[in-house]
Amino acid sequence: FPVTLFSSSFLLMLTALDCTPEKYQFTFFLTACPIVFTAFAANYKDGGVTTQVHMTTAKLGGLFSFVWAVLMAYSYGWWLIVPVIVLGAIFYLLNRKYHKPVLFLEYWAFSYPYAILFLVINSN
């Protein structure tokens, strides 16, 4: 789990930094870093500091991935806000059904960048 999260976050960061306008690149860095910290605190069920780090970084990753996605929509065209809203609605509905907010927030943080980058790269 840690190796997968770390490597996917690192490789995603390389592509995202190429596609993100320079003045917004810090937002993707703030999206990828919490994913790395979540990877290093993978054993979150033990309680204590590991649980706090895992939960906090998952929440920060979700928040910053949303901010980055909105800024990408602002930079590349407002048509991109539609997938941002659709993905947000899907994760909101899944959370309401299964009542696992941090799990779906992690899914949000990890899938938003991939979906938005896919759309940005294929639109050029």
PDB file of N, CA and C in Angstrom:
ATOM      1  N   PHE A   1       0.816  -1.203   0.000  1.00  0.00           N
ATOM      2  CA  PHE A   1       0.000   0.000   0.000  1.00  0.00           C
ATOM      3  C   PHE A   1       0.857   1.263   0.000  1.00  0.00           C
ATOM      4  N   PRO A   2       1.827   1.394   0.915  1.00  0.00           N
ATOM      5  CA  PRO A   2       2.652   2.608   0.899  1.00  0.00           C
ATOM      6  C   PRO A   2       3.429   2.797  -0.396  1.00  0.00           C
ATOM      7  N   VAL A   3       3.986   1.731  -0.941  1.00  0.00           N
ATOM      8  CA  VAL A   3       4.770   1.848  -2.172  1.00  0.00           C
ATOM      9  C   VAL A   3       3.874   2.288  -3.334  1.00  0.00           C
ATOM     10  N   THR A   4       2.675   1.725  -3.404  1.00  0.00           N
ATOM     11  CA  THR A   4       1.743   2.083  -4.475  1.00  0.00           C
ATOM     12  C   THR A   4       1.328   3.540  -4.383  1.00  0.00           C
ATOM     13  N   LEU A   5       0.952   3.987  -3.191  1.00  0.00           N
ATOM     14  CA  LEU A   5       0.535   5.384  -3.027  1.00  0.00           C
ATOM     15  C   LEU A   5       1.680   6.351  -3.298  1.00  0.00           C
ATOM     16  N   PHE A   6       2.848   6.031  -2.772  1.00  0.00           N
ATOM     17  CA  PHE A   6       3.993   6.915  -2.969  1.00  0.00           C
ATOM     18  C   PHE A   6       4.361   7.023  -4.442  1.00  0.00           C
ATOM     19  N   SER A   7       4.477   5.874  -5.111  1.00  0.00           N
ATOM     20  CA  SER A   7       4.910   5.908  -6.514  1.00  0.00           C
ATOM     21  C   SER A   7       3.854   6.546  -7.409  1.00  0.00           C
ATOM     22  N   SER A   8       2.576   6.261  -7.162  1.00  0.00           N
ATOM     23  CA  SER A   8       1.551   6.881  -8.010  1.00  0.00           C
ATOM     24  C   SER A   8       1.481   8.388  -7.775  1.00  0.00           C
ATOM     25  N   SER A   9       1.644   8.819  -6.541  1.00  0.00           N
ATOM     26  CA  SER A   9       1.630  10.250  -6.240  1.00  0.00           C
ATOM     27  C   SER A   9       2.827  10.947  -6.868  1.00  0.00           C
ATOM     28  N   PHE A  10       3.993  10.331  -6.773  1.00  0.00           N
ATOM     29  CA  PHE A  10       5.203  10.934  -7.341  1.00  0.00           C
ATOM     30  C   PHE A  10       5.114  11.025  -8.862  1.00  0.00           C
ATOM     31  N   LEU A  11       4.684   9.944  -9.507  1.00  0.00           N
ATOM     32  CA  LEU A  11       4.579   9.951 -10.969  1.00  0.00           C
ATOM     33  C   LEU A  11       3.486  10.893 -11.446  1.00  0.00           C
ATOM     34  N   LEU A  12       2.403  10.973 -10.700  1.00  0.00           N
ATOM     35  CA  LEU A  12       1.332  11.901 -11.041  1.00  0.00           C
ATOM     36  C   LEU A  12       1.810  13.343 -10.918  1.00  0.00           C
ATOM     37  N   MET A  13       2.642  13.604  -9.920  1.00  0.00           N
ATOM     38  CA  MET A  13       3.147  14.957  -9.710  1.00  0.00           C
ATOM     39  C   MET A  13       3.974  15.422 -10.911  1.00  0.00           C
ATOM     40  N   LEU A  14       4.748  14.533 -11.490  1.00  0.00           N
ATOM     41  CA  LEU A  14       5.570  14.912 -12.643  1.00  0.00           C
ATOM     42  C   LEU A  14       4.705  15.364 -13.813  1.00  0.00           C
ATOM     43  N   THR A  15       3.652  14.634 -14.093  1.00  0.00           N
ATOM     44  CA  THR A  15       2.759  14.993 -15.197  1.00  0.00           C
ATOM     45  C   THR A  15       1.941  16.232 -14.867  1.00  0.00           C
ATOM     46  N   ALA A  16       1.437  16.288 -13.651  1.00  0.00           N
ATOM     47  CA  ALA A  16       0.574  17.413 -13.265  1.00  0.00           C
ATOM     48  C   ALA A  16       1.331  18.731 -13.271  1.00  0.00           C
ATOM     49  N   LEU A  17       2.572  18.714 -12.849  1.00  0.00           N
ATOM     50  CA  LEU A  17       3.335  19.956 -12.832  1.00  0.00           C
ATOM     51  C   LEU A  17       3.601  20.461 -14.248  1.00  0.00           C
ATOM     52  N   ASP A  18       3.685  19.563 -15.220  1.00  0.00           N
ATOM     53  CA  ASP A  18       3.836  19.982 -16.616  1.00  0.00           C
ATOM     54  C   ASP A  18       2.559  20.622 -17.151  1.00  0.00           C
ATOM     55  N   CYS A  19       1.408  20.130 -16.717  1.00  0.00           N
ATOM     56  CA  CYS A  19       0.125  20.611 -17.249  1.00  0.00           C
ATOM     57  C   CYS A  19      -0.453  21.794 -16.478  1.00  0.00           C
ATOM     58  N   THR A  20      -0.023  21.974 -15.244  1.00  0.00           N
ATOM     59  CA  THR A  20      -0.580  23.032 -14.408  1.00  0.00           C
ATOM     60  C   THR A  20       0.128  24.350 -14.713  1.00  0.00           C
ATOM     61  N   PRO A  21      -0.632  25.428 -14.895  1.00  0.00           N
ATOM     62  CA  PRO A  21       0.011  26.733 -15.084  1.00  0.00           C
ATOM     63  C   PRO A  21       0.931  27.059 -13.905  1.00  0.00           C
ATOM     64  N   GLU A  22       2.035  27.725 -14.210  1.00  0.00           N
ATOM     65  CA  GLU A  22       3.085  27.954 -13.215  1.00  0.00           C
ATOM     66  C   GLU A  22       2.574  28.600 -11.932  1.00  0.00           C
ATOM     67  N   LYS A  23       1.668  29.545 -12.040  1.00  0.00           N
ATOM     68  CA  LYS A  23       1.215  30.237 -10.834  1.00  0.00           C
ATOM     69  C   LYS A  23       0.338  29.366  -9.948  1.00  0.00           C
ATOM     70  N   TYR A  24      -0.134  28.196 -10.437  1.00  0.00           N
ATOM     71  CA  TYR A  24      -0.961  27.287  -9.632  1.00  0.00           C
ATOM     72  C   TYR A  24      -0.267  25.973  -9.300  1.00  0.00           C
ATOM     73  N   GLN A  25       1.010  25.848  -9.662  1.00  0.00           N
ATOM     74  CA  GLN A  25       1.702  24.582  -9.425  1.00  0.00           C
ATOM     75  C   GLN A  25       1.799  24.222  -7.945  1.00  0.00           C
ATOM     76  N   PHE A  26       1.863  25.212  -7.093  1.00  0.00           N
ATOM     77  CA  PHE A  26       1.959  24.923  -5.659  1.00  0.00           C
ATOM     78  C   PHE A  26       0.723  24.166  -5.170  1.00  0.00           C
ATOM     79  N   THR A  27      -0.439  24.387  -5.823  1.00  0.00           N
ATOM     80  CA  THR A  27      -1.650  23.694  -5.370  1.00  0.00           C
ATOM     81  C   THR A  27      -1.567  22.204  -5.644  1.00  0.00           C
ATOM     82  N   PHE A  28      -0.913  21.826  -6.760  1.00  0.00           N
ATOM     83  CA  PHE A  28      -0.780  20.383  -6.975  1.00  0.00           C
ATOM     84  C   PHE A  28       0.254  19.790  -6.040  1.00  0.00           C
ATOM     85  N   PHE A  29       1.291  20.533  -5.745  1.00  0.00           N
ATOM     86  CA  PHE A  29       2.256  20.053  -4.756  1.00  0.00           C
ATOM     87  C   PHE A  29       1.543  19.804  -3.424  1.00  0.00           C
ATOM     88  N   LEU A  30       0.628  20.710  -3.052  1.00  0.00           N
ATOM     89  CA  LEU A  30      -0.144  20.543  -1.816  1.00  0.00           C
ATOM     90  C   LEU A  30      -1.169  19.419  -1.928  1.00  0.00           C
ATOM     91  N   THR A  31      -1.494  19.007  -3.131  1.00  0.00           N
ATOM     92  CA  THR A  31      -2.367  17.847  -3.331  1.00  0.00           C
ATOM     93  C   THR A  31      -1.571  16.547  -3.194  1.00  0.00           C
ATOM     94  N   ALA A  32      -0.390  16.506  -3.774  1.00  0.00           N
ATOM     95  CA  ALA A  32       0.400  15.271  -3.792  1.00  0.00           C
ATOM     96  C   ALA A  32       1.069  14.969  -2.455  1.00  0.00           C
ATOM     97  N   CYS A  33       1.515  15.987  -1.751  1.00  0.00           N
ATOM     98  CA  CYS A  33       2.212  15.752  -0.472  1.00  0.00           C
ATOM     99  C   CYS A  33       1.352  15.032   0.563  1.00  0.00           C
ATOM    100  N   PRO A  34       0.095  15.439   0.768  1.00  0.00           N
ATOM    101  CA  PRO A  34      -0.714  14.682   1.724  1.00  0.00           C
ATOM    102  C   PRO A  34      -0.922  13.224   1.320  1.00  0.00           C
ATOM    103  N   ILE A  35      -0.966  12.946   0.020  1.00  0.00           N
ATOM    104  CA  ILE A  35      -1.105  11.554  -0.415  1.00  0.00           C
ATOM    105  C   ILE A  35       0.123  10.752  -0.009  1.00  0.00           C
ATOM    106  N   VAL A  36       1.296  11.365  -0.107  1.00  0.00           N
ATOM    107  CA  VAL A  36       2.534  10.697   0.318  1.00  0.00           C
ATOM    108  C   VAL A  36       2.511  10.451   1.829  1.00  0.00           C
ATOM    109  N   PHE A  37       2.089  11.447   2.598  1.00  0.00           N
ATOM    110  CA  PHE A  37       2.013  11.260   4.049  1.00  0.00           C
ATOM    111  C   PHE A  37       0.977  10.201   4.421  1.00  0.00           C
ATOM    112  N   THR A  38      -0.116  10.127   3.670  1.00  0.00           N
ATOM    113  CA  THR A  38      -1.107   9.073   3.899  1.00  0.00           C
ATOM    114  C   THR A  38      -0.475   7.711   3.639  1.00  0.00           C
ATOM    115  N   ALA A  39       0.373   7.630   2.640  1.00  0.00           N
ATOM    116  CA  ALA A  39       1.058   6.371   2.336  1.00  0.00           C
ATOM    117  C   ALA A  39       1.976   5.944   3.471  1.00  0.00           C
ATOM    118  N   PHE A  40       2.671   6.895   4.069  1.00  0.00           N
ATOM    119  CA  PHE A  40       3.593   6.549   5.149  1.00  0.00           C
ATOM    120  C   PHE A  40       2.872   6.250   6.461  1.00  0.00           C
ATOM    121  N   ALA A  41       1.609   6.640   6.580  1.00  0.00           N
ATOM    122  CA  ALA A  41       0.812   6.356   7.774  1.00  0.00           C
ATOM    123  C   ALA A  41      -0.288   5.360   7.413  1.00  0.00           C
ATOM    124  N   ALA A  42       0.086   4.333   6.692  1.00  0.00           N
ATOM    125  CA  ALA A  42      -0.903   3.388   6.164  1.00  0.00           C
ATOM    126  C   ALA A  42      -1.583   2.570   7.251  1.00  0.00           C
ATOM    127  N   ASN A  43      -0.908   2.300   8.338  1.00  0.00           N
ATOM    128  CA  ASN A  43      -1.462   1.472   9.407  1.00  0.00           C
ATOM    129  C   ASN A  43      -2.271   2.349  10.368  1.00  0.00           C
ATOM    130  N   TYR A  44      -3.350   2.916   9.863  1.00  0.00           N
ATOM    131  CA  TYR A  44      -4.105   3.917  10.611  1.00  0.00           C
ATOM    132  C   TYR A  44      -4.995   3.315  11.691  1.00  0.00           C
ATOM    133  N   LYS A  45      -5.217   2.026  11.689  1.00  0.00           N
ATOM    134  CA  LYS A  45      -6.112   1.417  12.669  1.00  0.00           C
ATOM    135  C   LYS A  45      -5.453   1.207  14.024  1.00  0.00           C
ATOM    136  N   ASP A  46      -4.146   1.413  14.120  1.00  0.00           N
ATOM    137  CA  ASP A  46      -3.448   1.225  15.387  1.00  0.00           C
ATOM    138  C   ASP A  46      -3.731   2.327  16.395  1.00  0.00           C
ATOM    139  N   GLY A  47      -4.257   3.440  15.925  1.00  0.00           N
ATOM    140  CA  GLY A  47      -4.532   4.558  16.817  1.00  0.00           C
ATOM    141  C   GLY A  47      -3.285   5.410  16.999  1.00  0.00           C
ATOM    142  N   GLY A  48      -3.403   6.421  17.821  1.00  0.00           N
ATOM    143  CA  GLY A  48      -2.276   7.284  18.117  1.00  0.00           C
ATOM    144  C   GLY A  48      -1.937   8.228  16.980  1.00  0.00           C
ATOM    145  N   VAL A  49      -0.665   8.527  16.883  1.00  0.00           N
ATOM    146  CA  VAL A  49      -0.179   9.507  15.925  1.00  0.00           C
ATOM    147  C   VAL A  49      -0.402   9.041  14.484  1.00  0.00           C
ATOM    148  N   THR A  50      -0.235   7.771  14.215  1.00  0.00           N
ATOM    149  CA  THR A  50      -0.410   7.258  12.853  1.00  0.00           C
ATOM    150  C   THR A  50      -1.832   7.509  12.358  1.00  0.00           C
ATOM    151  N   THR A  51      -2.799   7.273  13.218  1.00  0.00           N
ATOM    152  CA  THR A  51      -4.194   7.523  12.843  1.00  0.00           C
ATOM    153  C   THR A  51      -4.430   9.001  12.581  1.00  0.00           C
ATOM    154  N   GLN A  52      -3.898   9.852  13.434  1.00  0.00           N
ATOM    155  CA  GLN A  52      -4.070  11.294  13.267  1.00  0.00           C
ATOM    156  C   GLN A  52      -3.423  11.780  11.972  1.00  0.00           C
ATOM    157  N   VAL A  53      -2.222  11.300  11.690  1.00  0.00           N
ATOM    158  CA  VAL A  53      -1.528  11.697  10.456  1.00  0.00           C
ATOM    159  C   VAL A  53      -2.313  11.224   9.240  1.00  0.00           C
ATOM    160  N   HIS A  54      -2.763   9.981   9.265  1.00  0.00           N
ATOM    161  CA  HIS A  54      -3.497   9.418   8.130  1.00  0.00           C
ATOM    162  C   HIS A  54      -4.787  10.196   7.873  1.00  0.00           C
ATOM    163  N   MET A  55      -5.559  10.410   8.910  1.00  0.00           N
ATOM    164  CA  MET A  55      -6.845  11.094   8.750  1.00  0.00           C
ATOM    165  C   MET A  55      -6.663  12.553   8.332  1.00  0.00           C
ATOM    166  N   THR A  56      -5.731  13.240   8.949  1.00  0.00           N
ATOM    167  CA  THR A  56      -5.505  14.651   8.631  1.00  0.00           C
ATOM    168  C   THR A  56      -5.003  14.822   7.212  1.00  0.00           C
ATOM    169  N   THR A  57      -4.047  14.007   6.803  1.00  0.00           N
ATOM    170  CA  THR A  57      -3.501  14.158   5.450  1.00  0.00           C
ATOM    171  C   THR A  57      -4.506  13.729   4.385  1.00  0.00           C
ATOM    172  N   ALA A  58      -5.364  12.758   4.693  1.00  0.00           N
ATOM    173  CA  ALA A  58      -6.410  12.391   3.736  1.00  0.00           C
ATOM    174  C   ALA A  58      -7.361  13.562   3.529  1.00  0.00           C
ATOM    175  N   LYS A  59      -7.725  14.231   4.597  1.00  0.00           N
ATOM    176  CA  LYS A  59      -8.623  15.392   4.493  1.00  0.00           C
ATOM    177  C   LYS A  59      -7.953  16.532   3.737  1.00  0.00           C
ATOM    178  N   LEU A  60      -6.684  16.796   4.034  1.00  0.00           N
ATOM    179  CA  LEU A  60      -5.967  17.861   3.328  1.00  0.00           C
ATOM    180  C   LEU A  60      -5.806  17.532   1.847  1.00  0.00           C
ATOM    181  N   GLY A  61      -5.506  16.277   1.541  1.00  0.00           N
ATOM    182  CA  GLY A  61      -5.384  15.865   0.144  1.00  0.00           C
ATOM    183  C   GLY A  61      -6.680  16.061  -0.617  1.00  0.00           C
ATOM    184  N   GLY A  62      -7.799  15.716   0.009  1.00  0.00           N
ATOM    185  CA  GLY A  62      -9.097  15.927  -0.628  1.00  0.00           C
ATOM    186  C   GLY A  62      -9.397  17.398  -0.868  1.00  0.00           C
ATOM    187  N   LEU A  63      -9.114  18.203   0.122  1.00  0.00           N
ATOM    188  CA  LEU A  63      -9.354  19.641   0.004  1.00  0.00           C
ATOM    189  C   LEU A  63      -8.491  20.259  -1.091  1.00  0.00           C
ATOM    190  N   PHE A  64      -7.195  19.970  -1.067  1.00  0.00           N
ATOM    191  CA  PHE A  64      -6.295  20.566  -2.050  1.00  0.00           C
ATOM    192  C   PHE A  64      -6.518  20.025  -3.462  1.00  0.00           C
ATOM    193  N   SER A  65      -6.940  18.765  -3.588  1.00  0.00           N
ATOM    194  CA  SER A  65      -7.223  18.262  -4.937  1.00  0.00           C
ATOM    195  C   SER A  65      -8.434  18.973  -5.522  1.00  0.00           C
ATOM    196  N   PHE A  66      -9.415  19.308  -4.684  1.00  0.00           N
ATOM    197  CA  PHE A  66     -10.563  20.067  -5.158  1.00  0.00           C
ATOM    198  C   PHE A  66     -10.141  21.474  -5.578  1.00  0.00           C
ATOM    199  N   VAL A  67      -9.322  22.123  -4.755  1.00  0.00           N
ATOM    200  CA  VAL A  67      -8.840  23.474  -5.091  1.00  0.00           C
ATOM    201  C   VAL A  67      -8.060  23.435  -6.399  1.00  0.00           C
ATOM    202  N   TRP A  68      -7.188  22.459  -6.545  1.00  0.00           N
ATOM    203  CA  TRP A  68      -6.404  22.330  -7.775  1.00  0.00           C
ATOM    204  C   TRP A  68      -7.315  22.102  -8.981  1.00  0.00           C
ATOM    205  N   ALA A  69      -8.326  21.243  -8.828  1.00  0.00           N
ATOM    206  CA  ALA A  69      -9.233  20.959  -9.941  1.00  0.00           C
ATOM    207  C   ALA A  69     -10.006  22.206 -10.358  1.00  0.00           C
ATOM    208  N   VAL A  70     -10.446  23.008  -9.404  1.00  0.00           N
ATOM    209  CA  VAL A  70     -11.156  24.243  -9.732  1.00  0.00           C
ATOM    210  C   VAL A  70     -10.222  25.223 -10.442  1.00  0.00           C
ATOM    211  N   LEU A  71      -8.993  25.334  -9.972  1.00  0.00           N
ATOM    212  CA  LEU A  71      -8.032  26.229 -10.631  1.00  0.00           C
ATOM    213  C   LEU A  71      -7.681  25.746 -12.036  1.00  0.00           C
ATOM    214  N   MET A  72      -7.650  24.439 -12.226  1.00  0.00           N
ATOM    215  CA  MET A  72      -7.421  23.912 -13.579  1.00  0.00           C
ATOM    216  C   MET A  72      -8.603  24.252 -14.479  1.00  0.00           C
ATOM    217  N   ALA A  73      -9.812  24.172 -13.934  1.00  0.00           N
ATOM    218  CA  ALA A  73     -10.998  24.551 -14.715  1.00  0.00           C
ATOM    219  C   ALA A  73     -10.944  26.030 -15.072  1.00  0.00           C
ATOM    220  N   TYR A  74     -10.485  26.841 -14.149  1.00  0.00           N
ATOM    221  CA  TYR A  74     -10.339  28.273 -14.402  1.00  0.00           C
ATOM    222  C   TYR A  74      -9.291  28.521 -15.496  1.00  0.00           C
ATOM    223  N   SER A  75      -8.225  27.727 -15.502  1.00  0.00           N
ATOM    224  CA  SER A  75      -7.128  27.927 -16.454  1.00  0.00           C
ATOM    225  C   SER A  75      -7.429  27.363 -17.838  1.00  0.00           C
ATOM    226  N   TYR A  76      -8.070  26.206 -17.903  1.00  0.00           N
ATOM    227  CA  TYR A  76      -8.264  25.517 -19.178  1.00  0.00           C
ATOM    228  C   TYR A  76      -9.649  25.689 -19.775  1.00  0.00           C
ATOM    229  N   GLY A  77     -10.549  26.236 -19.036  1.00  0.00           N
ATOM    230  CA  GLY A  77     -11.911  26.440 -19.538  1.00  0.00           C
ATOM    231  C   GLY A  77     -12.925  25.915 -18.545  1.00  0.00           C
ATOM    232  N   TRP A  78     -13.998  26.641 -18.453  1.00  0.00           N
ATOM    233  CA  TRP A  78     -14.993  26.292 -17.435  1.00  0.00           C
ATOM    234  C   TRP A  78     -15.739  25.012 -17.758  1.00  0.00           C
ATOM    235  N   TRP A  79     -15.595  24.457 -18.959  1.00  0.00           N
ATOM    236  CA  TRP A  79     -16.201  23.156 -19.264  1.00  0.00           C
ATOM    237  C   TRP A  79     -15.663  22.090 -18.320  1.00  0.00           C
ATOM    238  N   LEU A  80     -14.456  22.305 -17.812  1.00  0.00           N
ATOM    239  CA  LEU A  80     -13.814  21.330 -16.935  1.00  0.00           C
ATOM    240  C   LEU A  80     -14.470  21.280 -15.550  1.00  0.00           C
ATOM    241  N   ILE A  81     -15.266  22.285 -15.205  1.00  0.00           N
ATOM    242  CA  ILE A  81     -15.920  22.284 -13.896  1.00  0.00           C
ATOM    243  C   ILE A  81     -17.011  21.221 -13.831  1.00  0.00           C
ATOM    244  N   VAL A  82     -17.559  20.831 -14.981  1.00  0.00           N
ATOM    245  CA  VAL A  82     -18.609  19.801 -15.001  1.00  0.00           C
ATOM    246  C   VAL A  82     -18.098  18.474 -14.432  1.00  0.00           C
ATOM    247  N   PRO A  83     -16.946  17.945 -14.897  1.00  0.00           N
ATOM    248  CA  PRO A  83     -16.453  16.707 -14.290  1.00  0.00           C
ATOM    249  C   PRO A  83     -16.098  16.881 -12.810  1.00  0.00           C
ATOM    250  N   VAL A  84     -15.640  18.072 -12.435  1.00  0.00           N
ATOM    251  CA  VAL A  84     -15.335  18.325 -11.030  1.00  0.00           C
ATOM    252  C   VAL A  84     -16.603  18.170 -10.189  1.00  0.00           C
ATOM    253  N   ILE A  85     -17.697  18.741 -10.657  1.00  0.00           N
ATOM    254  CA  ILE A  85     -18.961  18.651  -9.923  1.00  0.00           C
ATOM    255  C   ILE A  85     -19.505  17.227  -9.944  1.00  0.00           C
ATOM    256  N   VAL A  86     -19.410  16.553 -11.091  1.00  0.00           N
ATOM    257  CA  VAL A  86     -19.920  15.187 -11.196  1.00  0.00           C
ATOM    258  C   VAL A  86     -19.157  14.254 -10.260  1.00  0.00           C
ATOM    259  N   LEU A  87     -17.835  14.341 -10.259  1.00  0.00           N
ATOM    260  CA  LEU A  87     -17.047  13.507  -9.348  1.00  0.00           C
ATOM    261  C   LEU A  87     -17.380  13.812  -7.894  1.00  0.00           C
ATOM    262  N   GLY A  88     -17.512  15.084  -7.569  1.00  0.00           N
ATOM    263  CA  GLY A  88     -17.876  15.459  -6.211  1.00  0.00           C
ATOM    264  C   GLY A  88     -19.224  14.891  -5.805  1.00  0.00           C
ATOM    265  N   ALA A  89     -20.192  14.937  -6.710  1.00  0.00           N
ATOM    266  CA  ALA A  89     -21.524  14.400  -6.416  1.00  0.00           C
ATOM    267  C   ALA A  89     -21.478  12.884  -6.233  1.00  0.00           C
ATOM    268  N   ILE A  90     -20.695  12.192  -7.047  1.00  0.00           N
ATOM    269  CA  ILE A  90     -20.576  10.734  -6.919  1.00  0.00           C
ATOM    270  C   ILE A  90     -20.015  10.366  -5.552  1.00  0.00           C
ATOM    271  N   PHE A  91     -18.935  11.023  -5.146  1.00  0.00           N
ATOM    272  CA  PHE A  91     -18.334  10.687  -3.853  1.00  0.00           C
ATOM    273  C   PHE A  91     -19.229  11.098  -2.694  1.00  0.00           C
ATOM    274  N   TYR A  92     -19.958  12.183  -2.849  1.00  0.00           N
ATOM    275  CA  TYR A  92     -20.905  12.601  -1.812  1.00  0.00           C
ATOM    276  C   TYR A  92     -22.005  11.549  -1.642  1.00  0.00           C
ATOM    277  N   LEU A  93     -22.555  11.066  -2.753  1.00  0.00           N
ATOM    278  CA  LEU A  93     -23.612  10.057  -2.680  1.00  0.00           C
ATOM    279  C   LEU A  93     -23.103   8.727  -2.135  1.00  0.00           C
ATOM    280  N   LEU A  94     -21.894   8.336  -2.522  1.00  0.00           N
ATOM    281  CA  LEU A  94     -21.316   7.112  -1.959  1.00  0.00           C
ATOM    282  C   LEU A  94     -21.102   7.239  -0.454  1.00  0.00           C
ATOM    283  N   ASN A  95     -20.643   8.408  -0.023  1.00  0.00           N
ATOM    284  CA  ASN A  95     -20.441   8.634   1.400  1.00  0.00           C
ATOM    285  C   ASN A  95     -21.766   8.554   2.156  1.00  0.00           C
ATOM    286  N   ARG A  96     -22.801   9.140   1.591  1.00  0.00           N
ATOM    287  CA  ARG A  96     -24.114   9.102   2.257  1.00  0.00           C
ATOM    288  C   ARG A  96     -24.631   7.677   2.366  1.00  0.00           C
ATOM    289  N   LYS A  97     -24.345   6.859   1.378  1.00  0.00           N
ATOM    290  CA  LYS A  97     -24.840   5.481   1.399  1.00  0.00           C
ATOM    291  C   LYS A  97     -24.042   4.604   2.364  1.00  0.00           C
ATOM    292  N   TYR A  98     -22.713   4.737   2.357  1.00  0.00           N
ATOM    293  CA  TYR A  98     -21.870   3.825   3.134  1.00  0.00           C
ATOM    294  C   TYR A  98     -21.323   4.433   4.427  1.00  0.00           C
ATOM    295  N   HIS A  99     -21.440   5.721   4.612  1.00  0.00           N
ATOM    296  CA  HIS A  99     -21.023   6.418   5.842  1.00  0.00           C
ATOM    297  C   HIS A  99     -19.548   6.180   6.192  1.00  0.00           C
ATOM    298  N   LYS A 100     -18.696   6.338   5.206  1.00  0.00           N
ATOM    299  CA  LYS A 100     -17.246   6.228   5.411  1.00  0.00           C
ATOM    300  C   LYS A 100     -16.591   7.465   4.813  1.00  0.00           C
ATOM    301  N   PRO A 101     -16.676   8.603   5.506  1.00  0.00           N
ATOM    302  CA  PRO A 101     -16.230   9.865   4.896  1.00  0.00           C
ATOM    303  C   PRO A 101     -14.751   9.907   4.543  1.00  0.00           C
ATOM    304  N   VAL A 102     -13.890   9.387   5.389  1.00  0.00           N
ATOM    305  CA  VAL A 102     -12.459   9.479   5.096  1.00  0.00           C
ATOM    306  C   VAL A 102     -12.090   8.566   3.932  1.00  0.00           C
ATOM    307  N   LEU A 103     -12.700   7.406   3.862  1.00  0.00           N
ATOM    308  CA  LEU A 103     -12.424   6.498   2.747  1.00  0.00           C
ATOM    309  C   LEU A 103     -12.776   7.158   1.416  1.00  0.00           C
ATOM    310  N   PHE A 104     -13.952   7.746   1.331  1.00  0.00           N
ATOM    311  CA  PHE A 104     -14.356   8.366   0.077  1.00  0.00           C
ATOM    312  C   PHE A 104     -13.619   9.671  -0.172  1.00  0.00           C
ATOM    313  N   LEU A 105     -13.168  10.329   0.881  1.00  0.00           N
ATOM    314  CA  LEU A 105     -12.330  11.514   0.703  1.00  0.00           C
ATOM    315  C   LEU A 105     -10.979  11.117   0.112  1.00  0.00           C
ATOM    316  N   GLU A 106     -10.455   9.974   0.540  1.00  0.00           N
ATOM    317  CA  GLU A 106      -9.217   9.467  -0.058  1.00  0.00           C
ATOM    318  C   GLU A 106      -9.439   9.126  -1.524  1.00  0.00           C
ATOM    319  N   TYR A 107     -10.543   8.479  -1.830  1.00  0.00           N
ATOM    320  CA  TYR A 107     -10.853   8.185  -3.232  1.00  0.00           C
ATOM    321  C   TYR A 107     -10.923   9.475  -4.038  1.00  0.00           C
ATOM    322  N   TRP A 108     -11.544  10.484  -3.468  1.00  0.00           N
ATOM    323  CA  TRP A 108     -11.681  11.790  -4.109  1.00  0.00           C
ATOM    324  C   TRP A 108     -10.298  12.369  -4.381  1.00  0.00           C
ATOM    325  N   ALA A 109      -9.459  12.392  -3.338  1.00  0.00           N
ATOM    326  CA  ALA A 109      -8.128  12.991  -3.466  1.00  0.00           C
ATOM    327  C   ALA A 109      -7.286  12.280  -4.516  1.00  0.00           C
ATOM    328  N   PHE A 110      -7.466  10.969  -4.649  1.00  0.00           N
ATOM    329  CA  PHE A 110      -6.647  10.216  -5.593  1.00  0.00           C
ATOM    330  C   PHE A 110      -7.219  10.239  -7.005  1.00  0.00           C
ATOM    331  N   SER A 111      -8.535  10.268  -7.138  1.00  0.00           N
ATOM    332  CA  SER A 111      -9.114  10.169  -8.480  1.00  0.00           C
ATOM    333  C   SER A 111      -9.283  11.518  -9.176  1.00  0.00           C
ATOM    334  N   TYR A 112      -9.496  12.584  -8.413  1.00  0.00           N
ATOM    335  CA  TYR A 112      -9.641  13.902  -9.028  1.00  0.00           C
ATOM    336  C   TYR A 112      -8.458  14.253  -9.933  1.00  0.00           C
ATOM    337  N   PRO A 113      -7.245  14.192  -9.429  1.00  0.00           N
ATOM    338  CA  PRO A 113      -6.113  14.564 -10.294  1.00  0.00           C
ATOM    339  C   PRO A 113      -6.013  13.709 -11.559  1.00  0.00           C
ATOM    340  N   TYR A 114      -6.248  12.400 -11.426  1.00  0.00           N
ATOM    341  CA  TYR A 114      -6.171  11.549 -12.613  1.00  0.00           C
ATOM    342  C   TYR A 114      -7.238  11.919 -13.631  1.00  0.00           C
ATOM    343  N   ALA A 115      -8.465  12.104 -13.183  1.00  0.00           N
ATOM    344  CA  ALA A 115      -9.560  12.429 -14.098  1.00  0.00           C
ATOM    345  C   ALA A 115      -9.340  13.782 -14.762  1.00  0.00           C
ATOM    346  N   ILE A 116      -8.957  14.787 -13.994  1.00  0.00           N
ATOM    347  CA  ILE A 116      -8.769  16.127 -14.547  1.00  0.00           C
ATOM    348  C   ILE A 116      -7.578  16.149 -15.504  1.00  0.00           C
ATOM    349  N   LEU A 117      -6.480  15.506 -15.124  1.00  0.00           N
ATOM    350  CA  LEU A 117      -5.321  15.461 -16.027  1.00  0.00           C
ATOM    351  C   LEU A 117      -5.656  14.726 -17.323  1.00  0.00           C
ATOM    352  N   PHE A 118      -6.398  13.652 -17.222  1.00  0.00           N
ATOM    353  CA  PHE A 118      -6.807  12.919 -18.419  1.00  0.00           C
ATOM    354  C   PHE A 118      -7.577  13.833 -19.362  1.00  0.00           C
ATOM    355  N   LEU A 119      -8.508  14.594 -18.825  1.00  0.00           N
ATOM    356  CA  LEU A 119      -9.304  15.500 -19.646  1.00  0.00           C
ATOM    357  C   LEU A 119      -8.468  16.641 -20.219  1.00  0.00           C
ATOM    358  N   VAL A 120      -7.566  17.181 -19.420  1.00  0.00           N
ATOM    359  CA  VAL A 120      -6.729  18.291 -19.892  1.00  0.00           C
ATOM    360  C   VAL A 120      -5.775  17.835 -20.983  1.00  0.00           C
ATOM    361  N   ILE A 121      -5.136  16.706 -20.781  1.00  0.00           N
ATOM    362  CA  ILE A 121      -4.173  16.211 -21.769  1.00  0.00           C
ATOM    363  C   ILE A 121      -4.874  15.851 -23.081  1.00  0.00           C
ATOM    364  N   ASN A 122      -6.060  15.264 -23.006  1.00  0.00           N
ATOM    365  CA  ASN A 122      -6.779  14.863 -24.214  1.00  0.00           C
ATOM    366  C   ASN A 122      -7.507  16.014 -24.891  1.00  0.00           C
ATOM    367  N   SER A 123      -7.635  17.153 -24.230  1.00  0.00           N
ATOM    368  CA  SER A 123      -8.315  18.285 -24.852  1.00  0.00           C
ATOM    369  C   SER A 123      -7.352  19.146 -25.671  1.00  0.00           C
ATOM    370  N   ASN A 124      -6.059  18.948 -25.490  1.00  0.00           N
ATOM    371  CA  ASN A 124      -5.077  19.751 -26.231  1.00  0.00           C
ATOM    372  C   ASN A 124      -4.723  19.138 -27.549  1.00  0.00           C
TER     373      ASN A 124
END
